[in-house]
């Protein structure tokens, strides 16, 4: 009887352990308005132009900020928000 009870409890513990671990390590996310600027956009941009394209890079990280066609500046290959 005791062996069955211990066995049943261990099965329940094994099945519930992923949920217990997830719950114990979960963190509350910080709203984006409170996070610091990690790309350092205030340091400016570098811009390079070819005959077809214009590439705009963030100086501090060399991250593509924009990639546009010279013939159509309204279309941007990079996805920007705001």
C-alpha atoms as a PDB file:
ATOM      1  CA  UNK A   1       0.000   0.000   0.000  1.00  0.00           C
ATOM      2  CA  UNK A   2       2.732   2.479   0.933  1.00  0.00           C
ATOM      3  CA  UNK A   3       4.781   1.496  -2.114  1.00  0.00           C
ATOM      4  CA  UNK A   4       1.824   2.224  -4.407  1.00  0.00           C
ATOM      5  CA  UNK A   5       1.267   5.599  -2.727  1.00  0.00           C
ATOM      6  CA  UNK A   6       4.934   6.562  -3.073  1.00  0.00           C
ATOM      7  CA  UNK A   7       4.939   5.357  -6.677  1.00  0.00           C
ATOM      8  CA  UNK A   8       1.808   7.372  -7.492  1.00  0.00           C
ATOM      9  CA  UNK A   9       3.235  10.491  -5.832  1.00  0.00           C
ATOM     10  CA  UNK A  10       6.521  10.167  -7.732  1.00  0.00           C
ATOM     11  CA  UNK A  11       4.644   9.853 -11.041  1.00  0.00           C
ATOM     12  CA  UNK A  12       2.624  12.966 -10.227  1.00  0.00           C
ATOM     13  CA  UNK A  13       5.793  14.832  -9.254  1.00  0.00           C
ATOM     14  CA  UNK A  14       7.551  13.830 -12.495  1.00  0.00           C
ATOM     15  CA  UNK A  15       4.573  14.887 -14.595  1.00  0.00           C
ATOM     16  CA  UNK A  16       4.187  18.234 -12.797  1.00  0.00           C
ATOM     17  CA  UNK A  17       7.881  19.146 -12.558  1.00  0.00           C
ATOM     18  CA  UNK A  18       8.059  21.028 -15.904  1.00  0.00           C
ATOM     19  CA  UNK A  19       5.183  23.247 -14.811  1.00  0.00           C
ATOM     20  CA  UNK A  20       6.757  23.835 -11.414  1.00  0.00           C
ATOM     21  CA  UNK A  21      10.111  24.713 -12.970  1.00  0.00           C
ATOM     22  CA  UNK A  22       8.549  27.061 -15.504  1.00  0.00           C
ATOM     23  CA  UNK A  23       6.536  28.800 -12.818  1.00  0.00           C
ATOM     24  CA  UNK A  24       9.546  29.267 -10.567  1.00  0.00           C
ATOM     25  CA  UNK A  25      11.769  30.723 -13.309  1.00  0.00           C
ATOM     26  CA  UNK A  26       9.199  32.878 -15.088  1.00  0.00           C
ATOM     27  CA  UNK A  27       9.877  36.606 -14.969  1.00  0.00           C
ATOM     28  CA  UNK A  28       7.618  39.550 -15.439  1.00  0.00           C
ATOM     29  CA  UNK A  29       8.488  41.364 -18.662  1.00  0.00           C
ATOM     30  CA  UNK A  30       9.413  45.031 -18.561  1.00  0.00           C
ATOM     31  CA  UNK A  31       7.466  47.394 -20.811  1.00  0.00           C
ATOM     32  CA  UNK A  32       9.544  48.580 -23.786  1.00  0.00           C
ATOM     33  CA  UNK A  33       9.260  52.201 -22.724  1.00  0.00           C
ATOM     34  CA  UNK A  34      11.316  51.448 -19.600  1.00  0.00           C
ATOM     35  CA  UNK A  35      14.174  49.557 -21.269  1.00  0.00           C
ATOM     36  CA  UNK A  36      17.403  51.367 -22.166  1.00  0.00           C
ATOM     37  CA  UNK A  37      18.340  51.956 -25.799  1.00  0.00           C
ATOM     38  CA  UNK A  38      20.589  48.976 -26.579  1.00  0.00           C
ATOM     39  CA  UNK A  39      21.437  49.935 -30.169  1.00  0.00           C
ATOM     40  CA  UNK A  40      22.722  53.419 -29.201  1.00  0.00           C
ATOM     41  CA  UNK A  41      20.828  55.102 -32.020  1.00  0.00           C
ATOM     42  CA  UNK A  42      21.864  58.466 -30.613  1.00  0.00           C
ATOM     43  CA  UNK A  43      25.394  57.844 -31.991  1.00  0.00           C
ATOM     44  CA  UNK A  44      24.100  58.244 -35.531  1.00  0.00           C
ATOM     45  CA  UNK A  45      23.972  56.365 -38.805  1.00  0.00           C
ATOM     46  CA  UNK A  46      26.260  55.570 -41.733  1.00  0.00           C
ATOM     47  CA  UNK A  47      24.805  55.708 -45.237  1.00  0.00           C
ATOM     48  CA  UNK A  48      26.121  54.027 -48.366  1.00  0.00           C
ATOM     49  CA  UNK A  49      24.718  54.352 -51.847  1.00  0.00           C
ATOM     50  CA  UNK A  50      25.116  52.268 -54.992  1.00  0.00           C
ATOM     51  CA  UNK A  51      23.516  52.793 -58.380  1.00  0.00           C
ATOM     52  CA  UNK A  52      20.373  50.873 -57.287  1.00  0.00           C
ATOM     53  CA  UNK A  53      20.236  50.827 -53.480  1.00  0.00           C
ATOM     54  CA  UNK A  54      20.837  52.972 -50.410  1.00  0.00           C
ATOM     55  CA  UNK A  55      21.915  51.233 -47.174  1.00  0.00           C
ATOM     56  CA  UNK A  56      21.606  52.999 -43.822  1.00  0.00           C
ATOM     57  CA  UNK A  57      23.579  51.415 -40.926  1.00  0.00           C
ATOM     58  CA  UNK A  58      23.517  52.149 -37.203  1.00  0.00           C
ATOM     59  CA  UNK A  59      27.062  53.333 -36.369  1.00  0.00           C
ATOM     60  CA  UNK A  60      27.399  51.590 -33.020  1.00  0.00           C
ATOM     61  CA  UNK A  61      26.272  48.112 -34.090  1.00  0.00           C
ATOM     62  CA  UNK A  62      26.539  48.061 -37.891  1.00  0.00           C
ATOM     63  CA  UNK A  63      22.881  46.979 -37.923  1.00  0.00           C
ATOM     64  CA  UNK A  64      20.867  47.670 -41.066  1.00  0.00           C
ATOM     65  CA  UNK A  65      18.458  50.491 -40.307  1.00  0.00           C
ATOM     66  CA  UNK A  66      17.130  50.853 -43.855  1.00  0.00           C
ATOM     67  CA  UNK A  67      17.649  49.396 -47.307  1.00  0.00           C
ATOM     68  CA  UNK A  68      15.806  51.330 -49.989  1.00  0.00           C
ATOM     69  CA  UNK A  69      15.698  51.494 -53.755  1.00  0.00           C
ATOM     70  CA  UNK A  70      17.029  54.722 -55.211  1.00  0.00           C
ATOM     71  CA  UNK A  71      14.170  54.755 -57.714  1.00  0.00           C
ATOM     72  CA  UNK A  72      11.471  54.369 -55.008  1.00  0.00           C
ATOM     73  CA  UNK A  73      12.392  55.813 -51.594  1.00  0.00           C
ATOM     74  CA  UNK A  74       8.984  54.894 -50.145  1.00  0.00           C
ATOM     75  CA  UNK A  75       9.753  51.147 -50.325  1.00  0.00           C
ATOM     76  CA  UNK A  76      12.074  49.807 -47.606  1.00  0.00           C
ATOM     77  CA  UNK A  77      13.395  46.219 -47.569  1.00  0.00           C
ATOM     78  CA  UNK A  78      13.802  46.331 -43.779  1.00  0.00           C
ATOM     79  CA  UNK A  79      10.780  46.159 -41.529  1.00  0.00           C
ATOM     80  CA  UNK A  80      10.542  49.262 -39.389  1.00  0.00           C
ATOM     81  CA  UNK A  81       7.950  50.189 -36.831  1.00  0.00           C
ATOM     82  CA  UNK A  82       7.197  53.850 -36.280  1.00  0.00           C
END
